ModelCIF file with pLDDT and N, C-alpha, C, O atoms, coordinates in Angstrom:
data_MODEL
#
_entry.id   MODEL 
#
_entity.id                         1 
_entity.type                       polymer 
_entity.pdbx_number_of_molecules   1 
#
_entity_poly.entity_id                      1 
_entity_poly.type                           'polypeptide(L)' 
_entity_poly.nstd_linkage                   no 
_entity_poly.nstd_monomer                   no 
_entity_poly.pdbx_seq_one_letter_code       MAPYPLAVPAVSAAMRVTDESVRRQQRVMISEVIEQKSVLLDCLEHQ 
_entity_poly.pdbx_seq_one_letter_code_can   MAPYPLAVPAVSAAMRVTDESVRRQQRVMISEVIEQKSVLLDCLEHQ 
_entity_poly.pdbx_strand_id                 A 
#
loop_
_entity_poly_seq.entity_id 
_entity_poly_seq.num 
_entity_poly_seq.mon_id 
_entity_poly_seq.hetero 
1 1  MET n 
1 2  ALA n 
1 3  PRO n 
1 4  TYR n 
1 5  PRO n 
1 6  LEU n 
1 7  ALA n 
1 8  VAL n 
1 9  PRO n 
1 10 ALA n 
1 11 VAL n 
1 12 SER n 
1 13 ALA n 
1 14 ALA n 
1 15 MET n 
1 16 ARG n 
1 17 VAL n 
1 18 THR n 
1 19 ASP n 
1 20 GLU n 
1 21 SER n 
1 22 VAL n 
1 23 ARG n 
1 24 ARG n 
1 25 GLN n 
1 26 GLN n 
1 27 ARG n 
1 28 VAL n 
1 29 MET n 
1 30 ILE n 
1 31 SER n 
1 32 GLU n 
1 33 VAL n 
1 34 ILE n 
1 35 GLU n 
1 36 GLN n 
1 37 LYS n 
1 38 SER n 
1 39 VAL n 
1 40 LEU n 
1 41 LEU n 
1 42 ASP n 
1 43 CYS n 
1 44 LEU n 
1 45 GLU n 
1 46 HIS n 
1 47 GLN n 
#
_struct_asym.id          A 
_struct_asym.entity_id   1 
#
loop_
_ma_qa_metric.id 
_ma_qa_metric.mode 
_ma_qa_metric.name 
_ma_qa_metric.software_group_id 
_ma_qa_metric.type 
1 global pLDDT . pLDDT 
2 local  pLDDT . pLDDT 
#
_ma_qa_metric_global.metric_id      1 
_ma_qa_metric_global.metric_value   89.53 
_ma_qa_metric_global.model_id       1 
_ma_qa_metric_global.ordinal_id     1 
#
loop_
_ma_qa_metric_local.label_asym_id 
_ma_qa_metric_local.label_comp_id 
_ma_qa_metric_local.label_seq_id 
_ma_qa_metric_local.metric_id 
_ma_qa_metric_local.metric_value 
_ma_qa_metric_local.model_id 
_ma_qa_metric_local.ordinal_id 
A MET 1  2 81.00 1 1  
A ALA 2  2 78.00 1 2  
A PRO 3  2 77.00 1 3  
A TYR 4  2 78.00 1 4  
A PRO 5  2 77.00 1 5  
A LEU 6  2 83.00 1 6  
A ALA 7  2 87.00 1 7  
A VAL 8  2 87.00 1 8  
A PRO 9  2 92.00 1 9  
A ALA 10 2 89.00 1 10 
A VAL 11 2 87.00 1 11 
A SER 12 2 88.00 1 12 
A ALA 13 2 87.00 1 13 
A ALA 14 2 86.00 1 14 
A MET 15 2 86.00 1 15 
A ARG 16 2 84.00 1 16 
A VAL 17 2 82.00 1 17 
A THR 18 2 84.00 1 18 
A ASP 19 2 86.00 1 19 
A GLU 20 2 89.00 1 20 
A SER 21 2 89.00 1 21 
A VAL 22 2 87.00 1 22 
A ARG 23 2 88.00 1 23 
A ARG 24 2 92.00 1 24 
A GLN 25 2 92.00 1 25 
A GLN 26 2 90.00 1 26 
A ARG 27 2 93.00 1 27 
A VAL 28 2 94.00 1 28 
A MET 29 2 92.00 1 29 
A ILE 30 2 93.00 1 30 
A SER 31 2 95.00 1 31 
A GLU 32 2 94.00 1 32 
A VAL 33 2 94.00 1 33 
A ILE 34 2 95.00 1 34 
A GLU 35 2 95.00 1 35 
A GLN 36 2 95.00 1 36 
A LYS 37 2 96.00 1 37 
A SER 38 2 95.00 1 38 
A VAL 39 2 95.00 1 39 
A LEU 40 2 96.00 1 40 
A LEU 41 2 95.00 1 41 
A ASP 42 2 95.00 1 42 
A CYS 43 2 94.00 1 43 
A LEU 44 2 95.00 1 44 
A GLU 45 2 94.00 1 45 
A HIS 46 2 93.00 1 46 
A GLN 47 2 94.00 1 47 
#
loop_
_atom_site.group_PDB 
_atom_site.id 
_atom_site.type_symbol 
_atom_site.label_atom_id 
_atom_site.label_alt_id 
_atom_site.label_comp_id 
_atom_site.label_asym_id 
_atom_site.label_entity_id 
_atom_site.label_seq_id 
_atom_site.pdbx_PDB_ins_code 
_atom_site.Cartn_x 
_atom_site.Cartn_y 
_atom_site.Cartn_z 
_atom_site.occupancy 
_atom_site.B_iso_or_equiv 
_atom_site.pdbx_formal_charge 
_atom_site.auth_seq_id 
_atom_site.auth_comp_id 
_atom_site.auth_asym_id 
_atom_site.auth_atom_id 
_atom_site.pdbx_PDB_model_num 
ATOM 1   N N  . MET A 1 1  ? 106.867 140.905 95.530  1.00 81.00 ? 1  MET A N  1 
ATOM 2   C CA . MET A 1 1  ? 106.560 139.570 95.066  1.00 81.00 ? 1  MET A CA 1 
ATOM 3   C C  . MET A 1 1  ? 107.658 138.564 95.396  1.00 81.00 ? 1  MET A C  1 
ATOM 4   O O  . MET A 1 1  ? 108.847 138.870 95.297  1.00 81.00 ? 1  MET A O  1 
ATOM 5   N N  . ALA A 1 2  ? 107.254 137.388 95.780  1.00 78.00 ? 2  ALA A N  1 
ATOM 6   C CA . ALA A 1 2  ? 108.225 136.289 96.109  1.00 78.00 ? 2  ALA A CA 1 
ATOM 7   C C  . ALA A 1 2  ? 109.022 136.020 94.759  1.00 78.00 ? 2  ALA A C  1 
ATOM 8   O O  . ALA A 1 2  ? 108.472 136.109 93.662  1.00 78.00 ? 2  ALA A O  1 
ATOM 9   N N  . PRO A 1 3  ? 110.323 135.693 94.919  1.00 77.00 ? 3  PRO A N  1 
ATOM 10  C CA . PRO A 1 3  ? 111.152 135.438 93.717  1.00 77.00 ? 3  PRO A CA 1 
ATOM 11  C C  . PRO A 1 3  ? 110.632 134.225 92.945  1.00 77.00 ? 3  PRO A C  1 
ATOM 12  O O  . PRO A 1 3  ? 110.704 134.176 91.717  1.00 77.00 ? 3  PRO A O  1 
ATOM 13  N N  . TYR A 1 4  ? 110.108 133.250 93.686  1.00 78.00 ? 4  TYR A N  1 
ATOM 14  C CA . TYR A 1 4  ? 109.596 132.024 93.049  1.00 78.00 ? 4  TYR A CA 1 
ATOM 15  C C  . TYR A 1 4  ? 108.153 131.816 93.583  1.00 78.00 ? 4  TYR A C  1 
ATOM 16  O O  . TYR A 1 4  ? 107.956 131.028 94.508  1.00 78.00 ? 4  TYR A O  1 
ATOM 17  N N  . PRO A 1 5  ? 107.146 132.514 93.009  1.00 77.00 ? 5  PRO A N  1 
ATOM 18  C CA . PRO A 1 5  ? 105.812 132.380 93.504  1.00 77.00 ? 5  PRO A CA 1 
ATOM 19  C C  . PRO A 1 5  ? 105.308 130.931 93.496  1.00 77.00 ? 5  PRO A C  1 
ATOM 20  O O  . PRO A 1 5  ? 105.509 130.181 92.540  1.00 77.00 ? 5  PRO A O  1 
ATOM 21  N N  . LEU A 1 6  ? 104.654 130.576 94.585  1.00 83.00 ? 6  LEU A N  1 
ATOM 22  C CA . LEU A 1 6  ? 104.142 129.165 94.686  1.00 83.00 ? 6  LEU A CA 1 
ATOM 23  C C  . LEU A 1 6  ? 102.614 129.270 94.705  1.00 83.00 ? 6  LEU A C  1 
ATOM 24  O O  . LEU A 1 6  ? 102.024 130.152 95.328  1.00 83.00 ? 6  LEU A O  1 
ATOM 25  N N  . ALA A 1 7  ? 102.004 128.310 93.978  1.00 87.00 ? 7  ALA A N  1 
ATOM 26  C CA . ALA A 1 7  ? 100.586 128.251 93.917  1.00 87.00 ? 7  ALA A CA 1 
ATOM 27  C C  . ALA A 1 7  ? 99.946  127.874 95.277  1.00 87.00 ? 7  ALA A C  1 
ATOM 28  O O  . ALA A 1 7  ? 100.520 127.076 96.017  1.00 87.00 ? 7  ALA A O  1 
ATOM 29  N N  . VAL A 1 8  ? 98.816  128.413 95.597  1.00 87.00 ? 8  VAL A N  1 
ATOM 30  C CA . VAL A 1 8  ? 98.185  128.172 96.863  1.00 87.00 ? 8  VAL A CA 1 
ATOM 31  C C  . VAL A 1 8  ? 97.928  126.657 97.061  1.00 87.00 ? 8  VAL A C  1 
ATOM 32  O O  . VAL A 1 8  ? 98.210  126.156 98.149  1.00 87.00 ? 8  VAL A O  1 
ATOM 33  N N  . PRO A 1 9  ? 97.434  125.943 96.117  1.00 92.00 ? 9  PRO A N  1 
ATOM 34  C CA . PRO A 1 9  ? 97.341  124.494 96.286  1.00 92.00 ? 9  PRO A CA 1 
ATOM 35  C C  . PRO A 1 9  ? 98.570  123.717 96.660  1.00 92.00 ? 9  PRO A C  1 
ATOM 36  O O  . PRO A 1 9  ? 98.503  122.770 97.443  1.00 92.00 ? 9  PRO A O  1 
ATOM 37  N N  . ALA A 1 10 ? 99.757  124.133 96.073  1.00 89.00 ? 10 ALA A N  1 
ATOM 38  C CA . ALA A 1 10 ? 101.001 123.491 96.373  1.00 89.00 ? 10 ALA A CA 1 
ATOM 39  C C  . ALA A 1 10 ? 101.400 123.824 97.853  1.00 89.00 ? 10 ALA A C  1 
ATOM 40  O O  . ALA A 1 10 ? 101.859 122.948 98.586  1.00 89.00 ? 10 ALA A O  1 
ATOM 41  N N  . VAL A 1 11 ? 101.218 125.055 98.249  1.00 87.00 ? 11 VAL A N  1 
ATOM 42  C CA . VAL A 1 11 ? 101.520 125.435 99.613  1.00 87.00 ? 11 VAL A CA 1 
ATOM 43  C C  . VAL A 1 11 ? 100.656 124.675 100.581 1.00 87.00 ? 11 VAL A C  1 
ATOM 44  O O  . VAL A 1 11 ? 101.147 124.159 101.585 1.00 87.00 ? 11 VAL A O  1 
ATOM 45  N N  . SER A 1 12 ? 99.327  124.595 100.281 1.00 88.00 ? 12 SER A N  1 
ATOM 46  C CA . SER A 1 12 ? 98.381  123.867 101.108 1.00 88.00 ? 12 SER A CA 1 
ATOM 47  C C  . SER A 1 12 ? 98.797  122.395 101.270 1.00 88.00 ? 12 SER A C  1 
ATOM 48  O O  . SER A 1 12 ? 98.759  121.822 102.359 1.00 88.00 ? 12 SER A O  1 
ATOM 49  N N  . ALA A 1 13 ? 99.183  121.835 100.164 1.00 87.00 ? 13 ALA A N  1 
ATOM 50  C CA . ALA A 1 13 ? 99.536  120.405 100.211 1.00 87.00 ? 13 ALA A CA 1 
ATOM 51  C C  . ALA A 1 13 ? 100.806 120.206 101.004 1.00 87.00 ? 13 ALA A C  1 
ATOM 52  O O  . ALA A 1 13 ? 100.930 119.222 101.733 1.00 87.00 ? 13 ALA A O  1 
ATOM 53  N N  . ALA A 1 14 ? 101.758 121.124 100.876 1.00 86.00 ? 14 ALA A N  1 
ATOM 54  C CA . ALA A 1 14 ? 103.004 120.983 101.637 1.00 86.00 ? 14 ALA A CA 1 
ATOM 55  C C  . ALA A 1 14 ? 102.740 121.181 103.129 1.00 86.00 ? 14 ALA A C  1 
ATOM 56  O O  . ALA A 1 14 ? 103.323 120.480 103.956 1.00 86.00 ? 14 ALA A O  1 
ATOM 57  N N  . MET A 1 15 ? 101.881 122.115 103.477 1.00 86.00 ? 15 MET A N  1 
ATOM 58  C CA . MET A 1 15 ? 101.503 122.287 104.903 1.00 86.00 ? 15 MET A CA 1 
ATOM 59  C C  . MET A 1 15 ? 100.814 121.073 105.452 1.00 86.00 ? 15 MET A C  1 
ATOM 60  O O  . MET A 1 15 ? 101.087 120.708 106.596 1.00 86.00 ? 15 MET A O  1 
ATOM 61  N N  . ARG A 1 16 ? 99.926  120.409 104.711 1.00 84.00 ? 16 ARG A N  1 
ATOM 62  C CA . ARG A 1 16 ? 99.204  119.189 105.161 1.00 84.00 ? 16 ARG A CA 1 
ATOM 63  C C  . ARG A 1 16 ? 100.145 118.058 105.440 1.00 84.00 ? 16 ARG A C  1 
ATOM 64  O O  . ARG A 1 16 ? 99.956  117.346 106.427 1.00 84.00 ? 16 ARG A O  1 
ATOM 65  N N  . VAL A 1 17 ? 101.177 117.848 104.604 1.00 82.00 ? 17 VAL A N  1 
ATOM 66  C CA . VAL A 1 17 ? 102.055 116.684 104.781 1.00 82.00 ? 17 VAL A CA 1 
ATOM 67  C C  . VAL A 1 17 ? 102.994 116.871 105.946 1.00 82.00 ? 17 VAL A C  1 
ATOM 68  O O  . VAL A 1 17 ? 103.626 115.910 106.384 1.00 82.00 ? 17 VAL A O  1 
ATOM 69  N N  . THR A 1 18 ? 103.106 118.091 106.465 1.00 84.00 ? 18 THR A N  1 
ATOM 70  C CA . THR A 1 18 ? 103.962 118.325 107.620 1.00 84.00 ? 18 THR A CA 1 
ATOM 71  C C  . THR A 1 18 ? 103.145 118.184 108.882 1.00 84.00 ? 18 THR A C  1 
ATOM 72  O O  . THR A 1 18 ? 103.715 118.249 109.971 1.00 84.00 ? 18 THR A O  1 
ATOM 73  N N  . ASP A 1 19 ? 101.843 117.995 108.797 1.00 86.00 ? 19 ASP A N  1 
ATOM 74  C CA . ASP A 1 19 ? 101.053 117.732 109.950 1.00 86.00 ? 19 ASP A CA 1 
ATOM 75  C C  . ASP A 1 19 ? 101.424 116.453 110.616 1.00 86.00 ? 19 ASP A C  1 
ATOM 76  O O  . ASP A 1 19 ? 101.697 115.475 109.922 1.00 86.00 ? 19 ASP A O  1 
ATOM 77  N N  . GLU A 1 20 ? 101.453 116.393 111.962 1.00 89.00 ? 20 GLU A N  1 
ATOM 78  C CA . GLU A 1 20 ? 101.880 115.139 112.670 1.00 89.00 ? 20 GLU A CA 1 
ATOM 79  C C  . GLU A 1 20 ? 101.017 114.013 112.370 1.00 89.00 ? 20 GLU A C  1 
ATOM 80  O O  . GLU A 1 20 ? 101.528 112.901 112.234 1.00 89.00 ? 20 GLU A O  1 
ATOM 81  N N  . SER A 1 21 ? 99.658  114.190 112.242 1.00 89.00 ? 21 SER A N  1 
ATOM 82  C CA . SER A 1 21 ? 98.780  113.012 111.987 1.00 89.00 ? 21 SER A CA 1 
ATOM 83  C C  . SER A 1 21 ? 99.122  112.402 110.628 1.00 89.00 ? 21 SER A C  1 
ATOM 84  O O  . SER A 1 21 ? 99.099  111.182 110.471 1.00 89.00 ? 21 SER A O  1 
ATOM 85  N N  . VAL A 1 22 ? 99.441  113.251 109.643 1.00 87.00 ? 22 VAL A N  1 
ATOM 86  C CA . VAL A 1 22 ? 99.825  112.705 108.315 1.00 87.00 ? 22 VAL A CA 1 
ATOM 87  C C  . VAL A 1 22 ? 101.157 112.011 108.397 1.00 87.00 ? 22 VAL A C  1 
ATOM 88  O O  . VAL A 1 22 ? 101.346 110.957 107.789 1.00 87.00 ? 22 VAL A O  1 
ATOM 89  N N  . ARG A 1 23 ? 102.057 112.563 109.114 1.00 88.00 ? 23 ARG A N  1 
ATOM 90  C CA . ARG A 1 23 ? 103.418 111.931 109.266 1.00 88.00 ? 23 ARG A CA 1 
ATOM 91  C C  . ARG A 1 23 ? 103.230 110.591 109.996 1.00 88.00 ? 23 ARG A C  1 
ATOM 92  O O  . ARG A 1 23 ? 103.945 109.634 109.700 1.00 88.00 ? 23 ARG A O  1 
ATOM 93  N N  . ARG A 1 24 ? 102.320 110.507 110.908 1.00 92.00 ? 24 ARG A N  1 
ATOM 94  C CA . ARG A 1 24 ? 102.069 109.242 111.652 1.00 92.00 ? 24 ARG A CA 1 
ATOM 95  C C  . ARG A 1 24 ? 101.504 108.212 110.669 1.00 92.00 ? 24 ARG A C  1 
ATOM 96  O O  . ARG A 1 24 ? 101.905 107.048 110.677 1.00 92.00 ? 24 ARG A O  1 
ATOM 97  N N  . GLN A 1 25 ? 100.566 108.658 109.820 1.00 92.00 ? 25 GLN A N  1 
ATOM 98  C CA . GLN A 1 25 ? 100.018 107.691 108.773 1.00 92.00 ? 25 GLN A CA 1 
ATOM 99  C C  . GLN A 1 25 ? 101.109 107.281 107.845 1.00 92.00 ? 25 GLN A C  1 
ATOM 100 O O  . GLN A 1 25 ? 101.162 106.105 107.485 1.00 92.00 ? 25 GLN A O  1 
ATOM 101 N N  . GLN A 1 26 ? 101.964 108.131 107.439 1.00 90.00 ? 26 GLN A N  1 
ATOM 102 C CA . GLN A 1 26 ? 103.055 107.770 106.556 1.00 90.00 ? 26 GLN A CA 1 
ATOM 103 C C  . GLN A 1 26 ? 103.991 106.693 107.208 1.00 90.00 ? 26 GLN A C  1 
ATOM 104 O O  . GLN A 1 26 ? 104.411 105.733 106.562 1.00 90.00 ? 26 GLN A O  1 
ATOM 105 N N  . ARG A 1 27 ? 104.287 106.907 108.497 1.00 93.00 ? 27 ARG A N  1 
ATOM 106 C CA . ARG A 1 27 ? 105.099 105.930 109.180 1.00 93.00 ? 27 ARG A CA 1 
ATOM 107 C C  . ARG A 1 27 ? 104.452 104.606 109.215 1.00 93.00 ? 27 ARG A C  1 
ATOM 108 O O  . ARG A 1 27 ? 105.124 103.607 108.959 1.00 93.00 ? 27 ARG A O  1 
ATOM 109 N N  . VAL A 1 28 ? 103.143 104.513 109.524 1.00 94.00 ? 28 VAL A N  1 
ATOM 110 C CA . VAL A 1 28 ? 102.406 103.273 109.518 1.00 94.00 ? 28 VAL A CA 1 
ATOM 111 C C  . VAL A 1 28 ? 102.450 102.626 108.130 1.00 94.00 ? 28 VAL A C  1 
ATOM 112 O O  . VAL A 1 28 ? 102.662 101.418 108.027 1.00 94.00 ? 28 VAL A O  1 
ATOM 113 N N  . MET A 1 29 ? 102.254 103.407 107.058 1.00 92.00 ? 29 MET A N  1 
ATOM 114 C CA . MET A 1 29 ? 102.231 102.860 105.692 1.00 92.00 ? 29 MET A CA 1 
ATOM 115 C C  . MET A 1 29 ? 103.634 102.321 105.366 1.00 92.00 ? 29 MET A C  1 
ATOM 116 O O  . MET A 1 29 ? 103.755 101.230 104.808 1.00 92.00 ? 29 MET A O  1 
ATOM 117 N N  . ILE A 1 30 ? 104.676 103.059 105.703 1.00 93.00 ? 30 ILE A N  1 
ATOM 118 C CA . ILE A 1 30 ? 106.052 102.595 105.406 1.00 93.00 ? 30 ILE A CA 1 
ATOM 119 C C  . ILE A 1 30 ? 106.298 101.314 106.188 1.00 93.00 ? 30 ILE A C  1 
ATOM 120 O O  . ILE A 1 30 ? 106.896 100.385 105.645 1.00 93.00 ? 30 ILE A O  1 
ATOM 121 N N  . SER A 1 31 ? 105.867 101.228 107.427 1.00 95.00 ? 31 SER A N  1 
ATOM 122 C CA . SER A 1 31 ? 106.112 100.063 108.254 1.00 95.00 ? 31 SER A CA 1 
ATOM 123 C C  . SER A 1 31 ? 105.407 98.818  107.574 1.00 95.00 ? 31 SER A C  1 
ATOM 124 O O  . SER A 1 31 ? 105.972 97.726  107.515 1.00 95.00 ? 31 SER A O  1 
ATOM 125 N N  . GLU A 1 32 ? 104.179 99.040  107.080 1.00 94.00 ? 32 GLU A N  1 
ATOM 126 C CA . GLU A 1 32 ? 103.428 98.016  106.415 1.00 94.00 ? 32 GLU A CA 1 
ATOM 127 C C  . GLU A 1 32 ? 104.141 97.543  105.148 1.00 94.00 ? 32 GLU A C  1 
ATOM 128 O O  . GLU A 1 32 ? 104.206 96.344  104.873 1.00 94.00 ? 32 GLU A O  1 
ATOM 129 N N  . VAL A 1 33 ? 104.670 98.487  104.387 1.00 94.00 ? 33 VAL A N  1 
ATOM 130 C CA . VAL A 1 33 ? 105.355 98.105  103.134 1.00 94.00 ? 33 VAL A CA 1 
ATOM 131 C C  . VAL A 1 33 ? 106.608 97.301  103.441 1.00 94.00 ? 33 VAL A C  1 
ATOM 132 O O  . VAL A 1 33 ? 106.919 96.342  102.735 1.00 94.00 ? 33 VAL A O  1 
ATOM 133 N N  . ILE A 1 34 ? 107.331 97.687  104.494 1.00 95.00 ? 34 ILE A N  1 
ATOM 134 C CA . ILE A 1 34 ? 108.539 96.951  104.873 1.00 95.00 ? 34 ILE A CA 1 
ATOM 135 C C  . ILE A 1 34 ? 108.154 95.547  105.316 1.00 95.00 ? 34 ILE A C  1 
ATOM 136 O O  . ILE A 1 34 ? 108.833 94.592  104.940 1.00 95.00 ? 34 ILE A O  1 
ATOM 137 N N  . GLU A 1 35 ? 107.111 95.387  106.086 1.00 95.00 ? 35 GLU A N  1 
ATOM 138 C CA . GLU A 1 35 ? 106.654 94.075  106.545 1.00 95.00 ? 35 GLU A CA 1 
ATOM 139 C C  . GLU A 1 35 ? 106.236 93.262  105.397 1.00 95.00 ? 35 GLU A C  1 
ATOM 140 O O  . GLU A 1 35 ? 106.665 92.113  105.287 1.00 95.00 ? 35 GLU A O  1 
ATOM 141 N N  . GLN A 1 36 ? 105.376 93.800  104.471 1.00 95.00 ? 36 GLN A N  1 
ATOM 142 C CA . GLN A 1 36 ? 104.893 92.994  103.311 1.00 95.00 ? 36 GLN A CA 1 
ATOM 143 C C  . GLN A 1 36 ? 106.035 92.655  102.346 1.00 95.00 ? 36 GLN A C  1 
ATOM 144 O O  . GLN A 1 36 ? 106.029 91.595  101.719 1.00 95.00 ? 36 GLN A O  1 
ATOM 145 N N  . LYS A 1 37 ? 106.950 93.499  102.238 1.00 96.00 ? 37 LYS A N  1 
ATOM 146 C CA . LYS A 1 37 ? 108.088 93.238  101.352 1.00 96.00 ? 37 LYS A CA 1 
ATOM 147 C C  . LYS A 1 37 ? 108.932 92.061  101.935 1.00 96.00 ? 37 LYS A C  1 
ATOM 148 O O  . LYS A 1 37 ? 109.420 91.224  101.175 1.00 96.00 ? 37 LYS A O  1 
ATOM 149 N N  . SER A 1 38 ? 109.089 92.006  103.187 1.00 95.00 ? 38 SER A N  1 
ATOM 150 C CA . SER A 1 38 ? 109.783 90.888  103.780 1.00 95.00 ? 38 SER A CA 1 
ATOM 151 C C  . SER A 1 38 ? 109.023 89.583  103.549 1.00 95.00 ? 38 SER A C  1 
ATOM 152 O O  . SER A 1 38 ? 109.645 88.565  103.246 1.00 95.00 ? 38 SER A O  1 
ATOM 153 N N  . VAL A 1 39 ? 107.744 89.583  103.678 1.00 95.00 ? 39 VAL A N  1 
ATOM 154 C CA . VAL A 1 39 ? 106.867 88.371  103.469 1.00 95.00 ? 39 VAL A CA 1 
ATOM 155 C C  . VAL A 1 39 ? 106.993 87.962  102.049 1.00 95.00 ? 39 VAL A C  1 
ATOM 156 O O  . VAL A 1 39 ? 107.214 86.781  101.784 1.00 95.00 ? 39 VAL A O  1 
ATOM 157 N N  . LEU A 1 40 ? 106.868 88.850  101.121 1.00 96.00 ? 40 LEU A N  1 
ATOM 158 C CA . LEU A 1 40 ? 106.962 88.542  99.720  1.00 96.00 ? 40 LEU A CA 1 
ATOM 159 C C  . LEU A 1 40 ? 108.336 88.061  99.309  1.00 96.00 ? 40 LEU A C  1 
ATOM 160 O O  . LEU A 1 40 ? 108.477 87.190  98.452  1.00 96.00 ? 40 LEU A O  1 
ATOM 161 N N  . LEU A 1 41 ? 109.335 88.636  99.928  1.00 95.00 ? 41 LEU A N  1 
ATOM 162 C CA . LEU A 1 41 ? 110.695 88.236  99.565  1.00 95.00 ? 41 LEU A CA 1 
ATOM 163 C C  . LEU A 1 41 ? 110.923 86.825  100.061 1.00 95.00 ? 41 LEU A C  1 
ATOM 164 O O  . LEU A 1 41 ? 111.545 86.030  99.356  1.00 95.00 ? 41 LEU A O  1 
ATOM 165 N N  . ASP A 1 42 ? 110.441 86.478  101.255 1.00 95.00 ? 42 ASP A N  1 
ATOM 166 C CA . ASP A 1 42 ? 110.566 85.105  101.740 1.00 95.00 ? 42 ASP A CA 1 
ATOM 167 C C  . ASP A 1 42 ? 109.803 84.077  100.850 1.00 95.00 ? 42 ASP A C  1 
ATOM 168 O O  . ASP A 1 42 ? 110.249 82.943  100.679 1.00 95.00 ? 42 ASP A O  1 
ATOM 169 N N  . CYS A 1 43 ? 108.680 84.493  100.309 1.00 94.00 ? 43 CYS A N  1 
ATOM 170 C CA . CYS A 1 43 ? 107.930 83.623  99.388  1.00 94.00 ? 43 CYS A CA 1 
ATOM 171 C C  . CYS A 1 43 ? 108.729 83.476  98.118  1.00 94.00 ? 43 CYS A C  1 
ATOM 172 O O  . CYS A 1 43 ? 108.826 82.361  97.606  1.00 94.00 ? 43 CYS A O  1 
ATOM 173 N N  . LEU A 1 44 ? 109.283 84.485  97.598  1.00 95.00 ? 44 LEU A N  1 
ATOM 174 C CA . LEU A 1 44 ? 110.026 84.379  96.273  1.00 95.00 ? 44 LEU A CA 1 
ATOM 175 C C  . LEU A 1 44 ? 111.257 83.543  96.426  1.00 95.00 ? 44 LEU A C  1 
ATOM 176 O O  . LEU A 1 44 ? 111.627 82.806  95.511  1.00 95.00 ? 44 LEU A O  1 
ATOM 177 N N  . GLU A 1 45 ? 111.929 83.642  97.609  1.00 94.00 ? 45 GLU A N  1 
ATOM 178 C CA . GLU A 1 45 ? 113.168 82.862  97.841  1.00 94.00 ? 45 GLU A CA 1 
ATOM 179 C C  . GLU A 1 45 ? 112.874 81.325  97.846  1.00 94.00 ? 45 GLU A C  1 
ATOM 180 O O  . GLU A 1 45 ? 113.793 80.519  97.700  1.00 94.00 ? 45 GLU A O  1 
ATOM 181 N N  . HIS A 1 46 ? 111.629 80.952  98.009  1.00 93.00 ? 46 HIS A N  1 
ATOM 182 C CA . HIS A 1 46 ? 111.290 79.555  98.042  1.00 93.00 ? 46 HIS A CA 1 
ATOM 183 C C  . HIS A 1 46 ? 110.717 79.038  96.740  1.00 93.00 ? 46 HIS A C  1 
ATOM 184 O O  . HIS A 1 46 ? 110.294 77.885  96.658  1.00 93.00 ? 46 HIS A O  1 
ATOM 185 N N  . GLN A 1 47 ? 110.700 79.880  95.724  1.00 94.00 ? 47 GLN A N  1 
ATOM 186 C CA . GLN A 1 47 ? 110.202 79.480  94.437  1.00 94.00 ? 47 GLN A CA 1 
ATOM 187 C C  . GLN A 1 47 ? 111.321 78.923  93.579  1.00 94.00 ? 47 GLN A C  1 
ATOM 188 O O  . GLN A 1 47 ? 111.085 78.528  92.438  1.00 94.00 ? 47 GLN A O  1 
#
């Protein structure tokens, strides 16, 4: 037995997030958040 057994759903989820297509989606999402944050920050600075 593994010293720290992991549930199959947890292992499956971990394997999915390491997939390149998922990592690409994450980079796009992070880029959008950074862009939108800049836009909102600019708006707030003028209030």
